[in-house]
Amino acid sequence: MITLRLDEKLEQDINTTANNLGLTKSELIRRSIHEYLGKLERPGAWETGEDLFGKYSSGRGNLSTERKELVKARIRAKRK
């Protein structure tokens, strides 16, 4: 349960709106909070893991473009 204090103008606006919509004040406030929370921006996958991406990087920027050549070179090195 949450208790909060509202200024008179806001409380009157809530009373009026709730009456006009045929809702209780509590239901109007619940719906309003639910809608507000749904509109808040949530961080995406990138923002959540941004500090982890590349953390253990090899420092080589050519791994995806020269992958075949790099694999061949590794295999040749193991055979020697």
N, C-alpha and C. Protein backbone atom coordinates (compact mmCIF):
# COMPACT_ATOMS: atom_id res chain seq x y z
N MET A 1 0.85 -1.18 0.00
CA MET A 1 0.00 0.00 0.00
C MET A 1 0.89 1.24 0.00
N ILE A 2 0.49 2.22 -0.75
CA ILE A 2 1.24 3.46 -0.86
C ILE A 2 0.34 4.61 -0.42
N THR A 3 0.90 5.50 0.35
CA THR A 3 0.18 6.71 0.75
C THR A 3 0.97 7.89 0.20
N LEU A 4 0.27 8.84 -0.39
CA LEU A 4 0.96 10.01 -0.89
C LEU A 4 0.11 11.25 -0.69
N ARG A 5 0.79 12.36 -0.67
CA ARG A 5 0.11 13.65 -0.50
C ARG A 5 0.05 14.36 -1.84
N LEU A 6 -1.10 14.91 -2.14
CA LEU A 6 -1.30 15.63 -3.39
C LEU A 6 -1.72 17.06 -3.07
N ASP A 7 -1.34 17.98 -3.95
CA ASP A 7 -1.83 19.34 -3.75
C ASP A 7 -3.32 19.37 -4.10
N GLU A 8 -4.01 20.39 -3.64
CA GLU A 8 -5.47 20.45 -3.79
C GLU A 8 -5.90 20.43 -5.25
N LYS A 9 -5.19 21.14 -6.10
CA LYS A 9 -5.56 21.21 -7.52
C LYS A 9 -5.47 19.83 -8.17
N LEU A 10 -4.39 19.09 -7.92
CA LEU A 10 -4.22 17.77 -8.50
C LEU A 10 -5.28 16.81 -7.96
N GLU A 11 -5.55 16.89 -6.68
CA GLU A 11 -6.57 16.02 -6.10
C GLU A 11 -7.94 16.31 -6.71
N GLN A 12 -8.24 17.57 -6.93
CA GLN A 12 -9.52 17.93 -7.55
C GLN A 12 -9.59 17.43 -8.99
N ASP A 13 -8.48 17.55 -9.72
CA ASP A 13 -8.42 17.04 -11.09
C ASP A 13 -8.65 15.53 -11.12
N ILE A 14 -8.06 14.82 -10.18
CA ILE A 14 -8.24 13.37 -10.10
C ILE A 14 -9.69 13.03 -9.79
N ASN A 15 -10.28 13.74 -8.83
CA ASN A 15 -11.69 13.51 -8.48
C ASN A 15 -12.60 13.73 -9.69
N THR A 16 -12.38 14.83 -10.39
CA THR A 16 -13.21 15.17 -11.54
C THR A 16 -13.06 14.14 -12.66
N THR A 17 -11.82 13.79 -12.96
CA THR A 17 -11.56 12.83 -14.04
C THR A 17 -12.12 11.46 -13.70
N ALA A 18 -11.92 11.03 -12.47
CA ALA A 18 -12.45 9.73 -12.04
C ALA A 18 -13.97 9.70 -12.15
N ASN A 19 -14.62 10.76 -11.72
CA ASN A 19 -16.09 10.84 -11.82
C ASN A 19 -16.54 10.82 -13.27
N ASN A 20 -15.85 11.57 -14.12
CA ASN A 20 -16.22 11.62 -15.54
C ASN A 20 -16.05 10.26 -16.24
N LEU A 21 -15.06 9.49 -15.81
CA LEU A 21 -14.80 8.19 -16.42
C LEU A 21 -15.55 7.06 -15.73
N GLY A 22 -16.17 7.36 -14.61
CA GLY A 22 -16.90 6.33 -13.87
C GLY A 22 -15.96 5.36 -13.17
N LEU A 23 -14.81 5.86 -12.74
CA LEU A 23 -13.82 5.04 -12.05
C LEU A 23 -13.64 5.54 -10.62
N THR A 24 -13.09 4.67 -9.79
CA THR A 24 -12.70 5.14 -8.48
C THR A 24 -11.38 5.89 -8.64
N LYS A 25 -11.06 6.71 -7.65
CA LYS A 25 -9.79 7.44 -7.70
C LYS A 25 -8.63 6.45 -7.73
N SER A 26 -8.73 5.40 -6.93
CA SER A 26 -7.66 4.40 -6.88
C SER A 26 -7.45 3.74 -8.24
N GLU A 27 -8.54 3.39 -8.90
CA GLU A 27 -8.42 2.74 -10.21
C GLU A 27 -7.82 3.70 -11.23
N LEU A 28 -8.23 4.94 -11.21
CA LEU A 28 -7.66 5.94 -12.13
C LEU A 28 -6.17 6.10 -11.89
N ILE A 29 -5.77 6.18 -10.64
CA ILE A 29 -4.35 6.34 -10.32
C ILE A 29 -3.57 5.09 -10.72
N ARG A 30 -4.12 3.89 -10.46
CA ARG A 30 -3.45 2.65 -10.87
C ARG A 30 -3.23 2.61 -12.38
N ARG A 31 -4.28 2.94 -13.12
CA ARG A 31 -4.17 2.93 -14.58
C ARG A 31 -3.16 3.96 -15.07
N SER A 32 -3.17 5.12 -14.44
CA SER A 32 -2.25 6.19 -14.85
C SER A 32 -0.81 5.79 -14.60
N ILE A 33 -0.54 5.20 -13.45
CA ILE A 33 0.82 4.77 -13.13
C ILE A 33 1.25 3.66 -14.08
N HIS A 34 0.37 2.71 -14.33
CA HIS A 34 0.67 1.60 -15.24
C HIS A 34 1.00 2.12 -16.64
N GLU A 35 0.23 3.04 -17.13
CA GLU A 35 0.47 3.61 -18.46
C GLU A 35 1.79 4.38 -18.48
N TYR A 36 2.05 5.16 -17.44
CA TYR A 36 3.30 5.93 -17.37
C TYR A 36 4.51 5.01 -17.37
N LEU A 37 4.48 3.97 -16.54
CA LEU A 37 5.60 3.04 -16.47
C LEU A 37 5.82 2.32 -17.79
N GLY A 38 4.74 2.04 -18.52
CA GLY A 38 4.86 1.40 -19.82
C GLY A 38 5.51 2.28 -20.86
N LYS A 39 5.46 3.59 -20.67
CA LYS A 39 6.05 4.52 -21.63
C LYS A 39 7.51 4.86 -21.34
N LEU A 40 7.99 4.47 -20.16
CA LEU A 40 9.38 4.76 -19.83
C LEU A 40 10.30 3.98 -20.75
N GLU A 41 11.40 4.58 -21.11
CA GLU A 41 12.36 3.91 -21.97
C GLU A 41 13.12 2.88 -21.17
N ARG A 42 13.21 1.70 -21.72
CA ARG A 42 13.99 0.63 -21.10
C ARG A 42 15.24 0.44 -21.93
N PRO A 43 16.36 0.19 -21.27
CA PRO A 43 17.59 0.01 -22.04
C PRO A 43 17.51 -1.24 -22.91
N GLY A 44 18.06 -1.13 -24.10
CA GLY A 44 18.09 -2.26 -25.02
C GLY A 44 19.26 -3.17 -24.70
N ALA A 45 19.42 -4.18 -25.53
CA ALA A 45 20.50 -5.15 -25.32
C ALA A 45 21.87 -4.47 -25.37
N TRP A 46 22.05 -3.54 -26.30
CA TRP A 46 23.35 -2.88 -26.43
C TRP A 46 23.66 -2.06 -25.18
N GLU A 47 22.72 -1.27 -24.72
CA GLU A 47 22.96 -0.43 -23.56
C GLU A 47 23.22 -1.28 -22.31
N THR A 48 22.55 -2.42 -22.20
CA THR A 48 22.71 -3.28 -21.03
C THR A 48 24.11 -3.89 -20.98
N GLY A 49 24.63 -4.32 -22.10
CA GLY A 49 25.93 -5.00 -22.10
C GLY A 49 27.05 -4.19 -22.68
N GLU A 50 26.84 -2.90 -22.88
CA GLU A 50 27.83 -2.06 -23.56
C GLU A 50 29.21 -2.13 -22.92
N ASP A 51 29.28 -2.18 -21.60
CA ASP A 51 30.58 -2.21 -20.93
C ASP A 51 31.26 -3.58 -21.07
N LEU A 52 30.53 -4.60 -21.53
CA LEU A 52 31.11 -5.94 -21.68
C LEU A 52 31.56 -6.23 -23.11
N PHE A 53 30.95 -5.59 -24.10
CA PHE A 53 31.26 -5.87 -25.48
C PHE A 53 32.69 -5.42 -25.79
N GLY A 54 33.46 -6.34 -26.33
CA GLY A 54 34.84 -6.04 -26.68
C GLY A 54 35.79 -6.06 -25.49
N LYS A 55 35.31 -6.42 -24.34
CA LYS A 55 36.13 -6.41 -23.14
C LYS A 55 37.33 -7.34 -23.28
N TYR A 56 37.11 -8.48 -23.90
CA TYR A 56 38.18 -9.46 -24.06
C TYR A 56 38.62 -9.51 -25.52
N SER A 57 38.68 -8.38 -26.14
CA SER A 57 39.02 -8.28 -27.56
C SER A 57 40.46 -8.67 -27.81
N SER A 58 40.68 -9.22 -28.98
CA SER A 58 42.04 -9.59 -29.38
C SER A 58 42.81 -8.35 -29.82
N GLY A 59 42.09 -7.29 -30.09
CA GLY A 59 42.75 -6.08 -30.56
C GLY A 59 42.97 -6.09 -32.07
N ARG A 60 42.55 -7.17 -32.71
CA ARG A 60 42.71 -7.29 -34.16
C ARG A 60 41.37 -6.99 -34.82
N GLY A 61 41.38 -6.03 -35.69
CA GLY A 61 40.13 -5.62 -36.34
C GLY A 61 39.82 -6.37 -37.61
N ASN A 62 40.65 -7.34 -37.98
CA ASN A 62 40.47 -8.02 -39.26
C ASN A 62 39.91 -9.44 -39.11
N LEU A 63 39.45 -9.81 -37.95
CA LEU A 63 39.04 -11.20 -37.72
C LEU A 63 37.86 -11.64 -38.58
N SER A 64 36.93 -10.77 -38.83
CA SER A 64 35.77 -11.19 -39.62
C SER A 64 36.04 -11.12 -41.12
N THR A 65 36.82 -10.17 -41.55
CA THR A 65 37.06 -10.03 -42.99
C THR A 65 38.13 -10.98 -43.51
N GLU A 66 39.06 -11.38 -42.66
CA GLU A 66 40.15 -12.25 -43.10
C GLU A 66 40.13 -13.58 -42.36
N ARG A 67 38.95 -14.02 -41.97
CA ARG A 67 38.83 -15.22 -41.14
C ARG A 67 39.40 -16.47 -41.81
N LYS A 68 39.15 -16.63 -43.12
CA LYS A 68 39.63 -17.83 -43.82
C LYS A 68 41.16 -17.88 -43.84
N GLU A 69 41.77 -16.77 -44.14
CA GLU A 69 43.22 -16.72 -44.19
C GLU A 69 43.83 -16.96 -42.82
N LEU A 70 43.20 -16.42 -41.79
CA LEU A 70 43.70 -16.59 -40.43
C LEU A 70 43.61 -18.05 -39.97
N VAL A 71 42.52 -18.71 -40.32
CA VAL A 71 42.35 -20.13 -39.97
C VAL A 71 43.39 -20.97 -40.70
N LYS A 72 43.57 -20.71 -41.98
CA LYS A 72 44.57 -21.45 -42.76
C LYS A 72 45.96 -21.27 -42.16
N ALA A 73 46.29 -20.07 -41.77
CA ALA A 73 47.60 -19.80 -41.18
C ALA A 73 47.78 -20.55 -39.87
N ARG A 74 46.74 -20.63 -39.07
CA ARG A 74 46.80 -21.38 -37.80
C ARG A 74 47.00 -22.86 -38.06
N ILE A 75 46.30 -23.40 -39.03
CA ILE A 75 46.41 -24.84 -39.35
C ILE A 75 47.82 -25.13 -39.84
N ARG A 76 48.34 -24.27 -40.72
CA ARG A 76 49.71 -24.46 -41.23
C ARG A 76 50.72 -24.41 -40.08
N ALA A 77 50.51 -23.51 -39.15
CA ALA A 77 51.44 -23.38 -38.02
C ALA A 77 51.42 -24.62 -37.13
N LYS A 78 50.27 -25.24 -36.97
CA LYS A 78 50.16 -26.46 -36.15
C LYS A 78 50.82 -27.64 -36.83
N ARG A 79 50.79 -27.68 -38.15
CA ARG A 79 51.37 -28.80 -38.91
C ARG A 79 52.90 -28.78 -38.90
N LYS A 80 53.46 -27.65 -38.67
CA LYS A 80 54.94 -27.51 -38.70
C LYS A 80 55.56 -28.09 -37.47
